[in-house]
Amino acid sequence: MSGGASEVGAPGRQAASRYDCCILGGGPAGLTAAIFLARLRRRAVVLDDRRSRAALIPRSHNHPAFPDGIGGPALLERMRDQLADLGESPVDAKVTAIAQEGDGSFTIAAGERRWNTRFLLMATGVEDVLPEMPGSLDRVREGVLRCCPICDAFEVIGRELAVVGPGACAAGEALFLRAYSQRITLVTLGGPPEITEEQLTRVRAAGITVLEDEVLELSGDAAACRSTWRTVSSVSMLPMPGSESGPGPGLPPRSASRSMAMAGSSRTPASAVRCREAMLPGTQ
C-alpha cells in the first residue's frame, strides 16, 4: 500500500516509505487486517512473498458466506480485489531484515527496498510438516491430504478416514473424529503408538483401528489402487516424532507450526494409503 506514505532515509541509501502499520504476510489474516486498516484511513502496507498456506486449499466449506465452499486461491483473489477497491495493493516482497529504530519504529528490508512503520503485524501463518513421501504436497492440493479436522471433518461425515501419526496428538485427532465417523484407522508410521496405555485403551474402546505399518505412499487415484490396496476417504497428518505434542486424546490440537490434523472434502476422490505389510479396512 502506498496511500499517503512519507519517505525517510539517509543520503546514498534508498529512502524508506513510512507507514502506520506494516503487515508481513498476504494470506487471509494479513489481507483482512489490511482491509480494515484501509477502511480506518490508516497508512498500511502488506509485504507478501506469495506463499500463503491458503493457496494450497482446493476448496474449503469452513468460511462463512460460502455454503458451496471456496478454493483458497479464489478467496485470496477476492480479498486482494477488495483491497484494490480501497485503493491499495500488497507488495510482492520477501522480507530479509527487521530493525527497531531509536524512536521505537521499525524498518523492514526486502532486498534494496525499505519500509518504516510505527507498528508491525506478523501474519506469517504456519507451515505444515507433511509426510516424507513422494506426492504429499500434490495430495494437499488435490484435497486428499488435509491438515485441519475442524475445517474439513464435516464434509466427511460417515466416510472412512485415516489419521497418520504416532503420538498423543494423532490419537487425540482420531478420537475427535469419532464424532464424524465410526470408521477410523490410526496409522502409526511403522511402530507402536507413542501414547500411554490409558490413551491406547481409549482409542481401542472407541472402535478405532490401530495400524502399526510404515506408510509408503499416498495416492489420489483410488481406482488405480483398489485392486491391491483398500481405500480411505481422506488422510489426516499429525506431528512426527519430536514435534510439538497436542493436548491429548479427545481434544482438538492447539495451533502450532508443527501441528497437523485431518480431513478431506467429500467432493474429492478417495485416497489410498499404501503400507508395507497391511491394508487399511476398505470401503468396498
C-alpha atoms as a PDB file:
ATOM      1  CA  MET A   1       0.000   0.000   0.000  1.00  0.00           C
ATOM      2  CA  SER A   2       1.257   3.446  -0.742  1.00  0.00           C
ATOM      3  CA  GLY A   3      -1.533   5.870   0.110  1.00  0.00           C
ATOM      4  CA  GLY A   4      -0.104   8.900   1.873  1.00  0.00           C
ATOM      5  CA  ALA A   5       3.186   7.313   2.877  1.00  0.00           C
ATOM      6  CA  SER A   6       6.102   9.686   3.513  1.00  0.00           C
ATOM      7  CA  GLU A   7       9.739   8.980   2.726  1.00  0.00           C
ATOM      8  CA  VAL A   8      12.604   8.779   5.217  1.00  0.00           C
ATOM      9  CA  GLY A   9      16.188   7.687   4.763  1.00  0.00           C
ATOM     10  CA  ALA A  10      19.824   8.684   4.721  1.00  0.00           C
ATOM     11  CA  PRO A  11      21.563  10.142   1.614  1.00  0.00           C
ATOM     12  CA  GLY A  12      23.019   7.438  -0.625  1.00  0.00           C
ATOM     13  CA  ARG A  13      20.533   4.843   0.578  1.00  0.00           C
ATOM     14  CA  GLN A  14      17.083   4.090  -0.788  1.00  0.00           C
ATOM     15  CA  ALA A  15      14.500   6.006   1.209  1.00  0.00           C
ATOM     16  CA  ALA A  16      12.124   4.021   3.404  1.00  0.00           C
ATOM     17  CA  SER A  17       8.409   4.642   2.996  1.00  0.00           C
ATOM     18  CA  ARG A  18       6.816   5.419   6.367  1.00  0.00           C
ATOM     19  CA  TYR A  19       3.543   3.784   7.400  1.00  0.00           C
ATOM     20  CA  ASP A  20       1.289   3.389  10.376  1.00  0.00           C
ATOM     21  CA  CYS A  21       1.456  -0.407  10.080  1.00  0.00           C
ATOM     22  CA  CYS A  22       3.446  -2.941   8.100  1.00  0.00           C
ATOM     23  CA  ILE A  23       1.799  -6.350   7.684  1.00  0.00           C
ATOM     24  CA  LEU A  24       4.058  -9.307   6.976  1.00  0.00           C
ATOM     25  CA  GLY A  25       2.063 -11.948   5.111  1.00  0.00           C
ATOM     26  CA  GLY A  26      -0.654 -11.694   2.469  1.00  0.00           C
ATOM     27  CA  GLY A  27      -2.825 -14.639   3.470  1.00  0.00           C
ATOM     28  CA  PRO A  28      -6.423 -14.268   4.710  1.00  0.00           C
ATOM     29  CA  ALA A  29      -5.314 -12.874   8.089  1.00  0.00           C
ATOM     30  CA  GLY A  30      -2.934 -10.299   6.651  1.00  0.00           C
ATOM     31  CA  LEU A  31      -5.377  -9.200   3.952  1.00  0.00           C
ATOM     32  CA  THR A  32      -8.200  -8.903   6.500  1.00  0.00           C
ATOM     33  CA  ALA A  33      -6.042  -6.619   8.631  1.00  0.00           C
ATOM     34  CA  ALA A  34      -5.118  -4.537   5.576  1.00  0.00           C
ATOM     35  CA  ILE A  35      -8.759  -4.142   4.529  1.00  0.00           C
ATOM     36  CA  PHE A  36      -9.816  -2.909   7.967  1.00  0.00           C
ATOM     37  CA  LEU A  37      -6.840  -0.568   8.283  1.00  0.00           C
ATOM     38  CA  ALA A  38      -7.601   0.918   4.855  1.00  0.00           C
ATOM     39  CA  ARG A  39     -11.213   1.486   5.884  1.00  0.00           C
ATOM     40  CA  LEU A  40      -9.957   3.203   9.037  1.00  0.00           C
ATOM     41  CA  ARG A  41      -7.892   5.549   6.830  1.00  0.00           C
ATOM     42  CA  ARG A  42      -4.590   4.256   8.178  1.00  0.00           C
ATOM     43  CA  ARG A  43      -1.412   4.026   6.119  1.00  0.00           C
ATOM     44  CA  ALA A  44      -0.524   0.339   5.901  1.00  0.00           C
ATOM     45  CA  VAL A  45       1.456  -1.938   3.615  1.00  0.00           C
ATOM     46  CA  VAL A  46       1.225  -5.706   3.083  1.00  0.00           C
ATOM     47  CA  LEU A  47       4.502  -7.430   2.214  1.00  0.00           C
ATOM     48  CA  ASP A  48       3.794 -10.839   0.710  1.00  0.00           C
ATOM     49  CA  ASP A  49       6.014 -13.480  -0.890  1.00  0.00           C
ATOM     50  CA  ARG A  50       3.011 -15.342  -2.364  1.00  0.00           C
ATOM     51  CA  ARG A  51       3.457 -18.469  -0.211  1.00  0.00           C
ATOM     52  CA  SER A  52       0.168 -18.369   1.658  1.00  0.00           C
ATOM     53  CA  ARG A  53      -0.876 -21.744   3.046  1.00  0.00           C
ATOM     54  CA  ALA A  54      -4.418 -20.896   1.921  1.00  0.00           C
ATOM     55  CA  ALA A  55      -3.275 -21.077  -1.713  1.00  0.00           C
ATOM     56  CA  LEU A  56      -2.959 -24.871  -1.343  1.00  0.00           C
ATOM     57  CA  ILE A  57      -6.617 -25.378  -0.353  1.00  0.00           C
ATOM     58  CA  PRO A  58      -8.642 -26.767  -3.288  1.00  0.00           C
ATOM     59  CA  ARG A  59     -11.966 -25.995  -1.586  1.00  0.00           C
ATOM     60  CA  SER A  60     -12.979 -25.060   1.938  1.00  0.00           C
ATOM     61  CA  HIS A  61     -16.508 -25.191   3.338  1.00  0.00           C
ATOM     62  CA  ASN A  62     -15.412 -23.617   6.617  1.00  0.00           C
ATOM     63  CA  HIS A  63     -15.646 -19.971   5.545  1.00  0.00           C
ATOM     64  CA  PRO A  64     -18.857 -18.035   6.302  1.00  0.00           C
ATOM     65  CA  ALA A  65     -20.945 -16.830   3.335  1.00  0.00           C
ATOM     66  CA  PHE A  66     -19.718 -19.601   1.011  1.00  0.00           C
ATOM     67  CA  PRO A  67     -22.115 -22.538   1.612  1.00  0.00           C
ATOM     68  CA  ASP A  68     -20.848 -24.324  -1.505  1.00  0.00           C
ATOM     69  CA  GLY A  69     -17.250 -23.783  -0.455  1.00  0.00           C
ATOM     70  CA  ILE A  70     -14.495 -21.684  -1.976  1.00  0.00           C
ATOM     71  CA  GLY A  71     -10.985 -22.501  -3.122  1.00  0.00           C
ATOM     72  CA  GLY A  72      -8.068 -20.928  -1.323  1.00  0.00           C
ATOM     73  CA  PRO A  73      -6.696 -19.151  -4.433  1.00  0.00           C
ATOM     74  CA  ALA A  74     -10.166 -17.753  -5.221  1.00  0.00           C
ATOM     75  CA  LEU A  75     -10.564 -16.485  -1.645  1.00  0.00           C
ATOM     76  CA  LEU A  76      -7.195 -14.732  -1.769  1.00  0.00           C
ATOM     77  CA  GLU A  77      -8.053 -13.173  -5.135  1.00  0.00           C
ATOM     78  CA  ARG A  78     -11.357 -11.844  -3.804  1.00  0.00           C
ATOM     79  CA  MET A  79      -9.652 -10.319  -0.789  1.00  0.00           C
ATOM     80  CA  ARG A  80      -6.958  -8.718  -2.957  1.00  0.00           C
ATOM     81  CA  ASP A  81      -9.682  -7.299  -5.212  1.00  0.00           C
ATOM     82  CA  GLN A  82     -11.493  -5.886  -2.181  1.00  0.00           C
ATOM     83  CA  LEU A  83      -8.272  -4.269  -1.030  1.00  0.00           C
ATOM     84  CA  ALA A  84      -7.686  -2.870  -4.526  1.00  0.00           C
ATOM     85  CA  ASP A  85     -11.162  -1.293  -4.450  1.00  0.00           C
ATOM     86  CA  LEU A  86      -9.909   0.651  -1.411  1.00  0.00           C
ATOM     87  CA  GLY A  87      -7.005   1.928  -3.460  1.00  0.00           C
ATOM     88  CA  GLU A  88      -4.328  -0.331  -2.042  1.00  0.00           C
ATOM     89  CA  SER A  89      -2.395  -3.400  -3.187  1.00  0.00           C
ATOM     90  CA  PRO A  90       0.025  -5.830  -1.489  1.00  0.00           C
ATOM     91  CA  VAL A  91       3.697  -5.543  -2.364  1.00  0.00           C
ATOM     92  CA  ASP A  92       5.372  -8.695  -3.667  1.00  0.00           C
ATOM     93  CA  ALA A  93       8.434  -8.915  -1.442  1.00  0.00           C
ATOM     94  CA  LYS A  94      10.393 -11.351   0.707  1.00  0.00           C
ATOM     95  CA  VAL A  95      11.471  -9.655   3.929  1.00  0.00           C
ATOM     96  CA  THR A  96      15.165 -10.106   4.665  1.00  0.00           C
ATOM     97  CA  ALA A  97      15.655  -7.941   7.778  1.00  0.00           C
ATOM     98  CA  ILE A  98      13.751  -6.078  10.511  1.00  0.00           C
ATOM     99  CA  ALA A  99      15.339  -3.472  12.768  1.00  0.00           C
ATOM    100  CA  GLN A 100      13.860  -1.355  15.554  1.00  0.00           C
ATOM    101  CA  GLU A 101      14.882   2.298  15.449  1.00  0.00           C
ATOM    102  CA  GLY A 102      15.637   4.618  18.350  1.00  0.00           C
ATOM    103  CA  ASP A 103      12.189   6.210  18.145  1.00  0.00           C
ATOM    104  CA  GLY A 104      10.535   2.805  18.543  1.00  0.00           C
ATOM    105  CA  SER A 105       9.548   2.453  14.902  1.00  0.00           C
ATOM    106  CA  PHE A 106      10.575  -0.498  12.734  1.00  0.00           C
ATOM    107  CA  THR A 107      12.470  -0.546   9.455  1.00  0.00           C
ATOM    108  CA  ILE A 108      11.755  -3.541   7.242  1.00  0.00           C
ATOM    109  CA  ALA A 109      14.060  -4.513   4.407  1.00  0.00           C
ATOM    110  CA  ALA A 110      13.409  -6.635   1.329  1.00  0.00           C
ATOM    111  CA  GLY A 111      16.491  -6.543  -0.824  1.00  0.00           C
ATOM    112  CA  GLU A 112      17.181  -2.873  -1.569  1.00  0.00           C
ATOM    113  CA  ARG A 113      13.682  -1.745  -0.607  1.00  0.00           C
ATOM    114  CA  ARG A 114      12.877  -0.257   2.815  1.00  0.00           C
ATOM    115  CA  TRP A 115       9.699   0.476   4.766  1.00  0.00           C
ATOM    116  CA  ASN A 116       9.433   2.310   8.096  1.00  0.00           C
ATOM    117  CA  THR A 117       6.410   1.694  10.307  1.00  0.00           C
ATOM    118  CA  ARG A 118       5.079   2.589  13.736  1.00  0.00           C
ATOM    119  CA  PHE A 119       3.552  -0.879  14.192  1.00  0.00           C
ATOM    120  CA  LEU A 120       4.490  -4.300  12.855  1.00  0.00           C
ATOM    121  CA  LEU A 121       1.853  -7.005  12.385  1.00  0.00           C
ATOM    122  CA  MET A 122       3.120 -10.556  11.884  1.00  0.00           C
ATOM    123  CA  ALA A 123       0.636 -12.522   9.768  1.00  0.00           C
ATOM    124  CA  THR A 124       3.083 -15.140   8.532  1.00  0.00           C
ATOM    125  CA  GLY A 125       0.884 -18.125   9.439  1.00  0.00           C
ATOM    126  CA  VAL A 126       2.172 -21.655   9.987  1.00  0.00           C
ATOM    127  CA  GLU A 127       3.935 -24.218   7.851  1.00  0.00           C
ATOM    128  CA  ASP A 128       2.649 -27.783   7.753  1.00  0.00           C
ATOM    129  CA  VAL A 129       5.031 -30.682   8.327  1.00  0.00           C
ATOM    130  CA  LEU A 130       3.933 -33.119   5.620  1.00  0.00           C
ATOM    131  CA  PRO A 131       4.753 -36.836   5.428  1.00  0.00           C
ATOM    132  CA  GLU A 132       8.193 -37.535   3.984  1.00  0.00           C
ATOM    133  CA  MET A 133       6.946 -39.469   0.986  1.00  0.00           C
ATOM    134  CA  PRO A 134       6.521 -38.674  -2.699  1.00  0.00           C
ATOM    135  CA  GLY A 135       3.492 -36.648  -3.691  1.00  0.00           C
ATOM    136  CA  SER A 136       2.488 -35.294  -0.269  1.00  0.00           C
ATOM    137  CA  LEU A 137       2.201 -31.691  -1.449  1.00  0.00           C
ATOM    138  CA  ASP A 138       0.247 -32.767  -4.535  1.00  0.00           C
ATOM    139  CA  ARG A 139      -2.176 -34.676  -2.306  1.00  0.00           C
ATOM    140  CA  VAL A 140      -2.754 -31.481  -0.298  1.00  0.00           C
ATOM    141  CA  ARG A 141      -3.549 -29.574  -3.487  1.00  0.00           C
ATOM    142  CA  GLU A 142      -5.957 -32.340  -4.518  1.00  0.00           C
ATOM    143  CA  GLY A 143      -7.736 -32.246  -1.173  1.00  0.00           C
ATOM    144  CA  VAL A 144      -6.806 -35.860  -0.411  1.00  0.00           C
ATOM    145  CA  LEU A 145      -4.421 -34.981   2.424  1.00  0.00           C
ATOM    146  CA  ARG A 146      -5.979 -32.444   4.777  1.00  0.00           C
ATOM    147  CA  CYS A 147      -4.439 -30.714   7.770  1.00  0.00           C
ATOM    148  CA  CYS A 148      -7.381 -29.383   9.795  1.00  0.00           C
ATOM    149  CA  PRO A 149     -10.187 -31.559  11.173  1.00  0.00           C
ATOM    150  CA  ILE A 150     -12.088 -28.565  12.499  1.00  0.00           C
ATOM    151  CA  CYS A 151     -12.114 -27.061   9.000  1.00  0.00           C
ATOM    152  CA  ASP A 152     -12.989 -30.158   6.993  1.00  0.00           C
ATOM    153  CA  ALA A 153     -14.355 -33.015   9.090  1.00  0.00           C
ATOM    154  CA  PHE A 154     -17.985 -32.045   8.491  1.00  0.00           C
ATOM    155  CA  GLU A 155     -17.589 -32.855   4.779  1.00  0.00           C
ATOM    156  CA  VAL A 156     -16.505 -36.444   5.502  1.00  0.00           C
ATOM    157  CA  ILE A 157     -19.251 -37.454   7.933  1.00  0.00           C
ATOM    158  CA  GLY A 158     -19.745 -41.210   7.790  1.00  0.00           C
ATOM    159  CA  ARG A 159     -16.812 -41.897   5.485  1.00  0.00           C
ATOM    160  CA  GLU A 160     -13.710 -43.970   6.167  1.00  0.00           C
ATOM    161  CA  LEU A 161     -10.811 -41.908   7.482  1.00  0.00           C
ATOM    162  CA  ALA A 162      -7.141 -42.440   8.232  1.00  0.00           C
ATOM    163  CA  VAL A 163      -5.147 -40.423  10.751  1.00  0.00           C
ATOM    164  CA  VAL A 164      -1.382 -40.624  10.172  1.00  0.00           C
ATOM    165  CA  GLY A 165       0.901 -40.057  13.157  1.00  0.00           C
ATOM    166  CA  PRO A 166       2.352 -41.982  16.117  1.00  0.00           C
ATOM    167  CA  GLY A 167       1.776 -39.762  19.138  1.00  0.00           C
ATOM    168  CA  ALA A 168      -0.807 -38.396  21.540  1.00  0.00           C
ATOM    169  CA  CYS A 169      -1.854 -35.652  19.143  1.00  0.00           C
ATOM    170  CA  ALA A 170      -2.701 -38.229  16.477  1.00  0.00           C
ATOM    171  CA  ALA A 171      -4.647 -40.305  18.980  1.00  0.00           C
ATOM    172  CA  GLY A 172      -6.488 -37.168  20.074  1.00  0.00           C
ATOM    173  CA  GLU A 173      -7.404 -36.363  16.481  1.00  0.00           C
ATOM    174  CA  ALA A 174      -8.679 -39.876  15.894  1.00  0.00           C
ATOM    175  CA  LEU A 175     -10.907 -39.608  18.977  1.00  0.00           C
ATOM    176  CA  PHE A 176     -12.067 -36.145  17.934  1.00  0.00           C
ATOM    177  CA  LEU A 177     -13.082 -37.514  14.522  1.00  0.00           C
ATOM    178  CA  ARG A 178     -15.262 -40.209  16.116  1.00  0.00           C
ATOM    179  CA  ALA A 179     -17.936 -37.512  16.287  1.00  0.00           C
ATOM    180  CA  TYR A 180     -17.954 -37.607  12.482  1.00  0.00           C
ATOM    181  CA  SER A 181     -17.324 -41.231  11.528  1.00  0.00           C
ATOM    182  CA  GLN A 182     -17.240 -44.703  13.077  1.00  0.00           C
ATOM    183  CA  ARG A 183     -14.664 -45.910  10.533  1.00  0.00           C
ATOM    184  CA  ILE A 184     -11.303 -44.518  11.587  1.00  0.00           C
ATOM    185  CA  THR A 185      -7.826 -46.022  11.342  1.00  0.00           C
ATOM    186  CA  LEU A 186      -4.838 -44.639  13.236  1.00  0.00           C
ATOM    187  CA  VAL A 187      -1.672 -45.281  11.174  1.00  0.00           C
ATOM    188  CA  THR A 188       1.376 -45.023  13.442  1.00  0.00           C
ATOM    189  CA  LEU A 189       4.144 -44.919  10.795  1.00  0.00           C
ATOM    190  CA  GLY A 190       5.954 -48.179  11.358  1.00  0.00           C
ATOM    191  CA  GLY A 191       5.885 -48.664  15.108  1.00  0.00           C
ATOM    192  CA  PRO A 192       3.651 -48.961  18.152  1.00  0.00           C
ATOM    193  CA  PRO A 193       1.667 -45.888  19.180  1.00  0.00           C
ATOM    194  CA  GLU A 194       3.738 -43.454  21.264  1.00  0.00           C
ATOM    195  CA  ILE A 195       0.966 -42.955  23.786  1.00  0.00           C
ATOM    196  CA  THR A 196       0.151 -44.155  27.293  1.00  0.00           C
ATOM    197  CA  GLU A 197      -1.737 -47.374  27.992  1.00  0.00           C
ATOM    198  CA  GLU A 198      -4.671 -45.288  29.179  1.00  0.00           C
ATOM    199  CA  GLN A 199      -4.752 -43.369  25.909  1.00  0.00           C
ATOM    200  CA  LEU A 200      -4.460 -46.569  23.881  1.00  0.00           C
ATOM    201  CA  THR A 201      -7.338 -48.065  25.858  1.00  0.00           C
ATOM    202  CA  ARG A 202      -9.483 -45.051  24.991  1.00  0.00           C
ATOM    203  CA  VAL A 203      -8.573 -45.353  21.311  1.00  0.00           C
ATOM    204  CA  ARG A 204      -9.468 -49.052  21.147  1.00  0.00           C
ATOM    205  CA  ALA A 205     -12.636 -48.553  23.215  1.00  0.00           C
ATOM    206  CA  ALA A 206     -13.766 -46.004  20.641  1.00  0.00           C
ATOM    207  CA  GLY A 207     -13.535 -48.657  17.926  1.00  0.00           C
ATOM    208  CA  ILE A 208     -10.528 -47.063  16.224  1.00  0.00           C
ATOM    209  CA  THR A 209      -8.292 -49.481  14.313  1.00  0.00           C
ATOM    210  CA  VAL A 210      -4.556 -49.095  15.022  1.00  0.00           C
ATOM    211  CA  LEU A 211      -2.236 -49.949  12.125  1.00  0.00           C
ATOM    212  CA  GLU A 212       1.472 -50.074  13.007  1.00  0.00           C
ATOM    213  CA  ASP A 213       2.841 -50.151   9.466  1.00  0.00           C
ATOM    214  CA  GLU A 214       5.008 -47.673   7.635  1.00  0.00           C
ATOM    215  CA  VAL A 215       3.177 -45.551   5.081  1.00  0.00           C
ATOM    216  CA  LEU A 216       4.917 -45.853   1.734  1.00  0.00           C
ATOM    217  CA  GLU A 217       2.605 -43.903  -0.495  1.00  0.00           C
ATOM    218  CA  LEU A 218      -0.422 -41.626  -0.628  1.00  0.00           C
ATOM    219  CA  SER A 219      -2.460 -41.784  -3.792  1.00  0.00           C
ATOM    220  CA  GLY A 220      -5.255 -39.566  -5.034  1.00  0.00           C
ATOM    221  CA  ASP A 221      -6.346 -42.146  -7.596  1.00  0.00           C
ATOM    222  CA  ALA A 222      -8.383 -44.692  -5.685  1.00  0.00           C
ATOM    223  CA  ALA A 223      -9.434 -46.621  -8.789  1.00  0.00           C
ATOM    224  CA  ALA A 224      -5.841 -47.438  -9.673  1.00  0.00           C
ATOM    225  CA  CYS A 225      -5.110 -48.790  -6.197  1.00  0.00           C
ATOM    226  CA  ARG A 226      -8.301 -50.531  -5.189  1.00  0.00           C
ATOM    227  CA  SER A 227      -7.363 -53.952  -6.554  1.00  0.00           C
ATOM    228  CA  THR A 228      -4.288 -54.097  -4.323  1.00  0.00           C
ATOM    229  CA  TRP A 229      -4.865 -51.577  -1.558  1.00  0.00           C
ATOM    230  CA  ARG A 230      -8.040 -50.760   0.268  1.00  0.00           C
ATOM    231  CA  THR A 231      -9.105 -47.128   0.239  1.00  0.00           C
ATOM    232  CA  VAL A 232      -9.971 -44.423   2.708  1.00  0.00           C
ATOM    233  CA  SER A 233     -11.872 -41.243   2.061  1.00  0.00           C
ATOM    234  CA  SER A 234      -9.278 -38.874   3.462  1.00  0.00           C
ATOM    235  CA  VAL A 235      -5.952 -38.815   5.207  1.00  0.00           C
ATOM    236  CA  SER A 236      -5.074 -36.812   8.295  1.00  0.00           C
ATOM    237  CA  MET A 237      -1.427 -35.979   9.014  1.00  0.00           C
ATOM    238  CA  LEU A 238      -0.268 -35.463  12.599  1.00  0.00           C
ATOM    239  CA  PRO A 239       3.107 -34.477  14.073  1.00  0.00           C
ATOM    240  CA  MET A 240       6.126 -36.683  13.513  1.00  0.00           C
ATOM    241  CA  PRO A 241       8.258 -37.826  16.459  1.00  0.00           C
ATOM    242  CA  GLY A 242       9.921 -34.877  18.130  1.00  0.00           C
ATOM    243  CA  SER A 243       7.307 -32.359  17.053  1.00  0.00           C
ATOM    244  CA  GLU A 244       5.092 -30.404  19.397  1.00  0.00           C
ATOM    245  CA  SER A 245       2.620 -32.636  21.174  1.00  0.00           C
ATOM    246  CA  GLY A 246      -1.082 -31.982  21.271  1.00  0.00           C
ATOM    247  CA  PRO A 247      -3.410 -31.609  24.248  1.00  0.00           C
ATOM    248  CA  GLY A 248      -4.207 -35.316  24.454  1.00  0.00           C
ATOM    249  CA  PRO A 249      -6.891 -37.658  23.166  1.00  0.00           C
ATOM    250  CA  GLY A 250     -10.378 -36.321  22.781  1.00  0.00           C
ATOM    251  CA  LEU A 251      -9.449 -32.667  22.297  1.00  0.00           C
ATOM    252  CA  PRO A 252      -8.604 -30.754  19.115  1.00  0.00           C
ATOM    253  CA  PRO A 253      -4.957 -29.677  18.913  1.00  0.00           C
ATOM    254  CA  ARG A 254      -3.596 -26.237  19.635  1.00  0.00           C
ATOM    255  CA  SER A 255      -2.437 -24.372  16.554  1.00  0.00           C
ATOM    256  CA  ALA A 256       1.295 -24.761  16.115  1.00  0.00           C
ATOM    257  CA  SER A 257       3.807 -24.608  13.314  1.00  0.00           C
ATOM    258  CA  ARG A 258       4.445 -28.348  13.647  1.00  0.00           C
ATOM    259  CA  SER A 259       0.938 -29.499  14.459  1.00  0.00           C
ATOM    260  CA  MET A 260      -1.284 -31.043  11.838  1.00  0.00           C
ATOM    261  CA  ALA A 261      -4.635 -32.686  11.772  1.00  0.00           C
ATOM    262  CA  MET A 262      -7.269 -34.012   9.440  1.00  0.00           C
ATOM    263  CA  ALA A 263      -9.935 -34.129   6.905  1.00  0.00           C
ATOM    264  CA  GLY A 264     -10.807 -34.314   3.257  1.00  0.00           C
ATOM    265  CA  SER A 265     -13.653 -32.978   1.198  1.00  0.00           C
ATOM    266  CA  SER A 266     -16.441 -35.341   0.216  1.00  0.00           C
ATOM    267  CA  ARG A 267     -16.191 -33.882  -3.291  1.00  0.00           C
ATOM    268  CA  THR A 268     -12.652 -35.102  -3.874  1.00  0.00           C
ATOM    269  CA  PRO A 269     -11.585 -38.608  -4.960  1.00  0.00           C
ATOM    270  CA  ALA A 270     -10.933 -41.199  -2.303  1.00  0.00           C
ATOM    271  CA  SER A 271      -7.314 -41.622  -1.359  1.00  0.00           C
ATOM    272  CA  ALA A 272      -5.285 -44.766  -0.914  1.00  0.00           C
ATOM    273  CA  VAL A 273      -2.810 -45.270   1.903  1.00  0.00           C
ATOM    274  CA  ARG A 274      -0.278 -47.909   0.972  1.00  0.00           C
ATOM    275  CA  CYS A 275       1.508 -49.613   3.857  1.00  0.00           C
ATOM    276  CA  ARG A 276       4.335 -52.133   3.886  1.00  0.00           C
ATOM    277  CA  GLU A 277       2.595 -55.234   5.248  1.00  0.00           C
ATOM    278  CA  ALA A 278      -1.085 -54.417   5.627  1.00  0.00           C
ATOM    279  CA  MET A 279      -4.098 -52.726   4.106  1.00  0.00           C
ATOM    280  CA  LEU A 280      -6.488 -50.295   5.676  1.00  0.00           C
ATOM    281  CA  PRO A 281     -10.028 -51.586   6.132  1.00  0.00           C
ATOM    282  CA  GLY A 282     -11.765 -50.924   2.828  1.00  0.00           C
ATOM    283  CA  THR A 283     -14.872 -49.079   1.764  1.00  0.00           C
ATOM    284  CA  GLN A 284     -15.952 -51.619  -0.841  1.00  0.00           C
END
